[in-house]
Each structure stands twice: as structure tokens, then as C-alpha cells.
Amino acid sequence: QVVVIIATSEGKSLLFILPYILPNTRVTILVLPLISLRGDLLRRVRELGIDHLVWAPSEQQDAPLVFITVEA
């Protein structure tokens, strides 16, 4: 378990992309404060071809990277 607070443009994305690349990695859950931030990060992971999903109560799929947004 890791909590990281880093300034803008300091490489936070690497913290959730790197575990995806490493062998024997299970699931990375990324909790985001804003829907707009989620949209930006979803665009990035799609460009990189990273398997992911946006969590919803009805979601039944598995993915190594899961996005959760606290903003309604």
C-alpha cells in the first residue's frame, strides 16, 4: 500500500503504469478526485494500450488497472 503526493508534472503516472508492466502484478486501483482527471488518464492508458476499466457497482470484468472516481 502506497500513498503518494507529488506536484503537477512530476511523474505520478509512472507510479500506476509501472506495476502494469512488471511481472506477477495483481491489480492497481487508482482513486481519482475528479471526473475530468479520470478522462485525461483514460486517454493516456488507451494510447499506451494498457488494459483497464472504470469501476461501477455493476462491473463484472477484471483488469490490472481499475479507475475509481470519488466525484459523482
PDB file of N, CA and C in Angstrom:
ATOM      1  N   GLN A   1       0.840  -1.168   0.000  1.00  0.00           N
ATOM      2  CA  GLN A   1       0.000   0.000   0.000  1.00  0.00           C
ATOM      3  C   GLN A   1       0.884   1.229   0.000  1.00  0.00           C
ATOM      4  N   VAL A   2       0.558   2.153  -0.902  1.00  0.00           N
ATOM      5  CA  VAL A   2       1.363   3.355  -1.051  1.00  0.00           C
ATOM      6  C   VAL A   2       0.445   4.556  -1.253  1.00  0.00           C
ATOM      7  N   VAL A   3       0.742   5.641  -0.569  1.00  0.00           N
ATOM      8  CA  VAL A   3       0.075   6.916  -0.809  1.00  0.00           C
ATOM      9  C   VAL A   3       1.167   7.885  -1.237  1.00  0.00           C
ATOM     10  N   VAL A   4       0.970   8.533  -2.387  1.00  0.00           N
ATOM     11  CA  VAL A   4       1.989   9.428  -2.924  1.00  0.00           C
ATOM     12  C   VAL A   4       1.375  10.796  -3.194  1.00  0.00           C
ATOM     13  N   ILE A   5       2.062  11.830  -2.746  1.00  0.00           N
ATOM     14  CA  ILE A   5       1.647  13.200  -3.041  1.00  0.00           C
ATOM     15  C   ILE A   5       2.822  13.860  -3.753  1.00  0.00           C
ATOM     16  N   ILE A   6       2.612  14.195  -5.025  1.00  0.00           N
ATOM     17  CA  ILE A   6       3.668  14.778  -5.848  1.00  0.00           C
ATOM     18  C   ILE A   6       3.066  15.953  -6.621  1.00  0.00           C
ATOM     19  N   ALA A   7       3.882  16.955  -6.890  1.00  0.00           N
ATOM     20  CA  ALA A   7       3.426  18.133  -7.632  1.00  0.00           C
ATOM     21  C   ALA A   7       3.038  17.783  -9.069  1.00  0.00           C
ATOM     22  N   THR A   8       2.349  18.694  -9.714  1.00  0.00           N
ATOM     23  CA  THR A   8       1.934  18.538 -11.101  1.00  0.00           C
ATOM     24  C   THR A   8       3.145  18.308 -12.007  1.00  0.00           C
ATOM     25  N   SER A   9       2.988  17.388 -12.953  1.00  0.00           N
ATOM     26  CA  SER A   9       4.016  17.072 -13.957  1.00  0.00           C
ATOM     27  C   SER A   9       5.301  16.511 -13.359  1.00  0.00           C
ATOM     28  N   GLU A  10       5.198  15.795 -12.259  1.00  0.00           N
ATOM     29  CA  GLU A  10       6.372  15.202 -11.629  1.00  0.00           C
ATOM     30  C   GLU A  10       6.455  13.689 -11.818  1.00  0.00           C
ATOM     31  N   GLY A  11       5.591  13.109 -12.633  1.00  0.00           N
ATOM     32  CA  GLY A  11       5.718  11.692 -12.951  1.00  0.00           C
ATOM     33  C   GLY A  11       4.818  10.757 -12.171  1.00  0.00           C
ATOM     34  N   LYS A  12       3.697  11.238 -11.680  1.00  0.00           N
ATOM     35  CA  LYS A  12       2.787  10.367 -10.923  1.00  0.00           C
ATOM     36  C   LYS A  12       2.247   9.223 -11.775  1.00  0.00           C
ATOM     37  N   SER A  13       2.047   9.462 -13.060  1.00  0.00           N
ATOM     38  CA  SER A  13       1.500   8.417 -13.934  1.00  0.00           C
ATOM     39  C   SER A  13       2.382   7.179 -13.948  1.00  0.00           C
ATOM     40  N   LEU A  14       3.675   7.373 -13.858  1.00  0.00           N
ATOM     41  CA  LEU A  14       4.598   6.242 -13.838  1.00  0.00           C
ATOM     42  C   LEU A  14       4.308   5.314 -12.663  1.00  0.00           C
ATOM     43  N   LEU A  15       3.812   5.857 -11.560  1.00  0.00           N
ATOM     44  CA  LEU A  15       3.544   5.053 -10.371  1.00  0.00           C
ATOM     45  C   LEU A  15       2.445   4.025 -10.588  1.00  0.00           C
ATOM     46  N   PHE A  16       1.492   4.287 -11.473  1.00  0.00           N
ATOM     47  CA  PHE A  16       0.473   3.278 -11.733  1.00  0.00           C
ATOM     48  C   PHE A  16       0.697   2.543 -13.047  1.00  0.00           C
ATOM     49  N   ILE A  17       1.508   3.087 -13.933  1.00  0.00           N
ATOM     50  CA  ILE A  17       1.820   2.390 -15.182  1.00  0.00           C
ATOM     51  C   ILE A  17       2.894   1.334 -14.952  1.00  0.00           C
ATOM     52  N   LEU A  18       3.883   1.615 -14.144  1.00  0.00           N
ATOM     53  CA  LEU A  18       4.982   0.684 -13.900  1.00  0.00           C
ATOM     54  C   LEU A  18       4.521  -0.668 -13.364  1.00  0.00           C
ATOM     55  N   PRO A  19       3.643  -0.730 -12.365  1.00  0.00           N
ATOM     56  CA  PRO A  19       3.199  -2.051 -11.898  1.00  0.00           C
ATOM     57  C   PRO A  19       2.519  -2.868 -12.998  1.00  0.00           C
ATOM     58  N   TYR A  20       1.863  -2.211 -13.934  1.00  0.00           N
ATOM     59  CA  TYR A  20       1.221  -2.912 -15.050  1.00  0.00           C
ATOM     60  C   TYR A  20       2.262  -3.649 -15.892  1.00  0.00           C
ATOM     61  N   ILE A  21       3.429  -3.068 -16.031  1.00  0.00           N
ATOM     62  CA  ILE A  21       4.487  -3.635 -16.865  1.00  0.00           C
ATOM     63  C   ILE A  21       5.212  -4.775 -16.153  1.00  0.00           C
ATOM     64  N   LEU A  22       5.324  -4.721 -14.853  1.00  0.00           N
ATOM     65  CA  LEU A  22       6.091  -5.706 -14.088  1.00  0.00           C
ATOM     66  C   LEU A  22       5.380  -7.055 -14.034  1.00  0.00           C
ATOM     67  N   PRO A  23       6.150  -8.153 -14.028  1.00  0.00           N
ATOM     68  CA  PRO A  23       5.527  -9.480 -13.929  1.00  0.00           C
ATOM     69  C   PRO A  23       4.931  -9.714 -12.540  1.00  0.00           C
ATOM     70  N   ASN A  24       3.947 -10.589 -12.489  1.00  0.00           N
ATOM     71  CA  ASN A  24       3.303 -11.002 -11.234  1.00  0.00           C
ATOM     72  C   ASN A  24       2.590  -9.865 -10.503  1.00  0.00           C
ATOM     73  N   THR A  25       2.206  -8.837 -11.238  1.00  0.00           N
ATOM     74  CA  THR A  25       1.451  -7.746 -10.640  1.00  0.00           C
ATOM     75  C   THR A  25      -0.017  -8.117 -10.628  1.00  0.00           C
ATOM     76  N   ARG A  26      -0.697  -7.809  -9.572  1.00  0.00           N
ATOM     77  CA  ARG A  26      -2.106  -8.163  -9.472  1.00  0.00           C
ATOM     78  C   ARG A  26      -2.979  -7.035  -9.996  1.00  0.00           C
ATOM     79  N   VAL A  27      -3.528  -6.217  -9.133  1.00  0.00           N
ATOM     80  CA  VAL A  27      -4.426  -5.143  -9.557  1.00  0.00           C
ATOM     81  C   VAL A  27      -3.954  -3.832  -8.931  1.00  0.00           C
ATOM     82  N   THR A  28      -3.969  -2.781  -9.739  1.00  0.00           N
ATOM     83  CA  THR A  28      -3.694  -1.439  -9.243  1.00  0.00           C
ATOM     84  C   THR A  28      -5.008  -0.673  -9.276  1.00  0.00           C
ATOM     85  N   ILE A  29      -5.396  -0.125  -8.131  1.00  0.00           N
ATOM     86  CA  ILE A  29      -6.623   0.666  -8.038  1.00  0.00           C
ATOM     87  C   ILE A  29      -6.214   2.127  -7.925  1.00  0.00           C
ATOM     88  N   LEU A  30      -6.708   2.929  -8.844  1.00  0.00           N
ATOM     89  CA  LEU A  30      -6.374   4.343  -8.880  1.00  0.00           C
ATOM     90  C   LEU A  30      -7.620   5.140  -8.500  1.00  0.00           C
ATOM     91  N   VAL A  31      -7.585   5.783  -7.329  1.00  0.00           N
ATOM     92  CA  VAL A  31      -8.713   6.582  -6.841  1.00  0.00           C
ATOM     93  C   VAL A  31      -8.449   8.034  -7.226  1.00  0.00           C
ATOM     94  N   LEU A  32      -9.365   8.586  -8.022  1.00  0.00           N
ATOM     95  CA  LEU A  32      -9.191   9.935  -8.554  1.00  0.00           C
ATOM     96  C   LEU A  32     -10.229  10.882  -7.969  1.00  0.00           C
ATOM     97  N   PRO A  33      -9.844  12.135  -7.681  1.00  0.00           N
ATOM     98  CA  PRO A  33     -10.791  13.072  -7.084  1.00  0.00           C
ATOM     99  C   PRO A  33     -11.771  13.688  -8.083  1.00  0.00           C
ATOM    100  N   LEU A  34     -11.405  13.726  -9.371  1.00  0.00           N
ATOM    101  CA  LEU A  34     -12.225  14.434 -10.355  1.00  0.00           C
ATOM    102  C   LEU A  34     -12.477  13.600 -11.606  1.00  0.00           C
ATOM    103  N   ILE A  35     -13.670  13.709 -12.151  1.00  0.00           N
ATOM    104  CA  ILE A  35     -14.003  13.017 -13.395  1.00  0.00           C
ATOM    105  C   ILE A  35     -13.133  13.537 -14.537  1.00  0.00           C
ATOM    106  N   SER A  36     -12.837  14.832 -14.549  1.00  0.00           N
ATOM    107  CA  SER A  36     -12.006  15.399 -15.619  1.00  0.00           C
ATOM    108  C   SER A  36     -10.602  14.805 -15.605  1.00  0.00           C
ATOM    109  N   LEU A  37     -10.056  14.566 -14.437  1.00  0.00           N
ATOM    110  CA  LEU A  37      -8.740  13.934 -14.327  1.00  0.00           C
ATOM    111  C   LEU A  37      -8.804  12.498 -14.832  1.00  0.00           C
ATOM    112  N   ARG A  38      -9.876  11.800 -14.506  1.00  0.00           N
ATOM    113  CA  ARG A  38     -10.062  10.430 -14.992  1.00  0.00           C
ATOM    114  C   ARG A  38     -10.058  10.401 -16.516  1.00  0.00           C
ATOM    115  N   GLY A  39     -10.743  11.349 -17.133  1.00  0.00           N
ATOM    116  CA  GLY A  39     -10.787  11.399 -18.593  1.00  0.00           C
ATOM    117  C   GLY A  39      -9.408  11.542 -19.204  1.00  0.00           C
ATOM    118  N   ASP A  40      -8.588  12.399 -18.621  1.00  0.00           N
ATOM    119  CA  ASP A  40      -7.228  12.601 -19.119  1.00  0.00           C
ATOM    120  C   ASP A  40      -6.397  11.329 -18.979  1.00  0.00           C
ATOM    121  N   LEU A  41      -6.490  10.692 -17.821  1.00  0.00           N
ATOM    122  CA  LEU A  41      -5.709   9.473 -17.595  1.00  0.00           C
ATOM    123  C   LEU A  41      -6.211   8.314 -18.447  1.00  0.00           C
ATOM    124  N   LEU A  42      -7.515   8.223 -18.658  1.00  0.00           N
ATOM    125  CA  LEU A  42      -8.052   7.177 -19.535  1.00  0.00           C
ATOM    126  C   LEU A  42      -7.525   7.342 -20.956  1.00  0.00           C
ATOM    127  N   ARG A  43      -7.431   8.567 -21.420  1.00  0.00           N
ATOM    128  CA  ARG A  43      -6.874   8.818 -22.751  1.00  0.00           C
ATOM    129  C   ARG A  43      -5.433   8.317 -22.827  1.00  0.00           C
ATOM    130  N   ARG A  44      -4.657   8.591 -21.783  1.00  0.00           N
ATOM    131  CA  ARG A  44      -3.253   8.150 -21.764  1.00  0.00           C
ATOM    132  C   ARG A  44      -3.123   6.634 -21.782  1.00  0.00           C
ATOM    133  N   VAL A  45      -3.891   5.945 -20.936  1.00  0.00           N
ATOM    134  CA  VAL A  45      -3.740   4.485 -20.889  1.00  0.00           C
ATOM    135  C   VAL A  45      -4.239   3.837 -22.180  1.00  0.00           C
ATOM    136  N   ARG A  46      -5.248   4.421 -22.813  1.00  0.00           N
ATOM    137  CA  ARG A  46      -5.701   3.900 -24.109  1.00  0.00           C
ATOM    138  C   ARG A  46      -4.606   4.052 -25.155  1.00  0.00           C
ATOM    139  N   GLU A  47      -3.940   5.208 -25.169  1.00  0.00           N
ATOM    140  CA  GLU A  47      -2.843   5.436 -26.111  1.00  0.00           C
ATOM    141  C   GLU A  47      -1.709   4.445 -25.895  1.00  0.00           C
ATOM    142  N   LEU A  48      -1.480   4.055 -24.638  1.00  0.00           N
ATOM    143  CA  LEU A  48      -0.413   3.108 -24.313  1.00  0.00           C
ATOM    144  C   LEU A  48      -0.852   1.653 -24.454  1.00  0.00           C
ATOM    145  N   GLY A  49      -2.135   1.428 -24.707  1.00  0.00           N
ATOM    146  CA  GLY A  49      -2.641   0.067 -24.859  1.00  0.00           C
ATOM    147  C   GLY A  49      -2.727  -0.701 -23.556  1.00  0.00           C
ATOM    148  N   ILE A  50      -2.921  -0.010 -22.449  1.00  0.00           N
ATOM    149  CA  ILE A  50      -2.987  -0.641 -21.130  1.00  0.00           C
ATOM    150  C   ILE A  50      -4.415  -1.105 -20.853  1.00  0.00           C
ATOM    151  N   ASP A  51      -4.549  -2.380 -20.485  1.00  0.00           N
ATOM    152  CA  ASP A  51      -5.850  -2.954 -20.137  1.00  0.00           C
ATOM    153  C   ASP A  51      -6.331  -2.311 -18.837  1.00  0.00           C
ATOM    154  N   HIS A  52      -7.552  -1.789 -18.845  1.00  0.00           N
ATOM    155  CA  HIS A  52      -8.069  -1.061 -17.688  1.00  0.00           C
ATOM    156  C   HIS A  52      -9.590  -1.115 -17.684  1.00  0.00           C
ATOM    157  N   LEU A  53     -10.170  -0.647 -16.591  1.00  0.00           N
ATOM    158  CA  LEU A  53     -11.617  -0.459 -16.542  1.00  0.00           C
ATOM    159  C   LEU A  53     -11.942   0.650 -15.561  1.00  0.00           C
ATOM    160  N   VAL A  54     -13.115   1.229 -15.753  1.00  0.00           N
ATOM    161  CA  VAL A  54     -13.643   2.233 -14.830  1.00  0.00           C
ATOM    162  C   VAL A  54     -14.641   1.502 -13.945  1.00  0.00           C
ATOM    163  N   TRP A  55     -14.390   1.512 -12.637  1.00  0.00           N
ATOM    164  CA  TRP A  55     -15.229   0.761 -11.712  1.00  0.00           C
ATOM    165  C   TRP A  55     -16.636   1.328 -11.678  1.00  0.00           C
ATOM    166  N   ALA A  56     -17.590   0.424 -11.627  1.00  0.00           N
ATOM    167  CA  ALA A  56     -19.001   0.740 -11.404  1.00  0.00           C
ATOM    168  C   ALA A  56     -19.566  -0.399 -10.564  1.00  0.00           C
ATOM    169  N   PRO A  57     -20.588  -0.142  -9.754  1.00  0.00           N
ATOM    170  CA  PRO A  57     -21.138  -1.205  -8.908  1.00  0.00           C
ATOM    171  C   PRO A  57     -21.547  -2.455  -9.688  1.00  0.00           C
ATOM    172  N   SER A  58     -21.957  -2.285 -10.919  1.00  0.00           N
ATOM    173  CA  SER A  58     -22.398  -3.433 -11.720  1.00  0.00           C
ATOM    174  C   SER A  58     -21.271  -4.069 -12.528  1.00  0.00           C
ATOM    175  N   GLU A  59     -20.054  -3.547 -12.434  1.00  0.00           N
ATOM    176  CA  GLU A  59     -18.930  -4.045 -13.232  1.00  0.00           C
ATOM    177  C   GLU A  59     -18.562  -5.467 -12.834  1.00  0.00           C
ATOM    178  N   GLN A  60     -18.446  -6.345 -13.824  1.00  0.00           N
ATOM    179  CA  GLN A  60     -18.132  -7.750 -13.567  1.00  0.00           C
ATOM    180  C   GLN A  60     -16.812  -8.183 -14.194  1.00  0.00           C
ATOM    181  N   GLN A  61     -16.123  -7.297 -14.892  1.00  0.00           N
ATOM    182  CA  GLN A  61     -14.883  -7.650 -15.573  1.00  0.00           C
ATOM    183  C   GLN A  61     -13.687  -7.501 -14.651  1.00  0.00           C
ATOM    184  N   ASP A  62     -12.574  -8.096 -15.072  1.00  0.00           N
ATOM    185  CA  ASP A  62     -11.301  -7.949 -14.374  1.00  0.00           C
ATOM    186  C   ASP A  62     -10.360  -7.143 -15.251  1.00  0.00           C
ATOM    187  N   ALA A  63      -9.481  -6.384 -14.629  1.00  0.00           N
ATOM    188  CA  ALA A  63      -8.445  -5.654 -15.346  1.00  0.00           C
ATOM    189  C   ALA A  63      -7.315  -5.363 -14.366  1.00  0.00           C
ATOM    190  N   PRO A  64      -6.090  -5.240 -14.863  1.00  0.00           N
ATOM    191  CA  PRO A  64      -4.970  -4.964 -13.965  1.00  0.00           C
ATOM    192  C   PRO A  64      -4.938  -3.526 -13.451  1.00  0.00           C
ATOM    193  N   LEU A  65      -5.697  -2.636 -14.099  1.00  0.00           N
ATOM    194  CA  LEU A  65      -5.749  -1.241 -13.672  1.00  0.00           C
ATOM    195  C   LEU A  65      -7.209  -0.816 -13.582  1.00  0.00           C
ATOM    196  N   VAL A  66      -7.613  -0.376 -12.389  1.00  0.00           N
ATOM    197  CA  VAL A  66      -9.010  -0.004 -12.150  1.00  0.00           C
ATOM    198  C   VAL A  66      -9.060   1.454 -11.709  1.00  0.00           C
ATOM    199  N   PHE A  67      -9.895   2.238 -12.396  1.00  0.00           N
ATOM    200  CA  PHE A  67     -10.100   3.644 -12.057  1.00  0.00           C
ATOM    201  C   PHE A  67     -11.376   3.789 -11.239  1.00  0.00           C
ATOM    202  N   ILE A  68     -11.277   4.526 -10.135  1.00  0.00           N
ATOM    203  CA  ILE A  68     -12.441   4.861  -9.314  1.00  0.00           C
ATOM    204  C   ILE A  68     -12.424   6.374  -9.126  1.00  0.00           C
ATOM    205  N   THR A  69     -13.566   7.017  -9.361  1.00  0.00           N
ATOM    206  CA  THR A  69     -13.659   8.464  -9.187  1.00  0.00           C
ATOM    207  C   THR A  69     -14.602   8.761  -8.030  1.00  0.00           C
ATOM    208  N   VAL A  70     -14.154   9.603  -7.102  1.00  0.00           N
ATOM    209  CA  VAL A  70     -14.985   9.922  -5.942  1.00  0.00           C
ATOM    210  C   VAL A  70     -16.008  11.002  -6.262  1.00  0.00           C
ATOM    211  N   GLU A  71     -15.771  11.792  -7.311  1.00  0.00           N
ATOM    212  CA  GLU A  71     -16.725  12.817  -7.727  1.00  0.00           C
ATOM    213  C   GLU A  71     -17.911  12.143  -8.402  1.00  0.00           C
ATOM    214  N   ALA A  72     -19.120  12.549  -8.045  1.00  0.00           N
ATOM    215  CA  ALA A  72     -20.323  11.934  -8.621  1.00  0.00           C
ATOM    216  C   ALA A  72     -20.580  12.402 -10.030  1.00  0.00           C
TER     217      ALA A  72
END
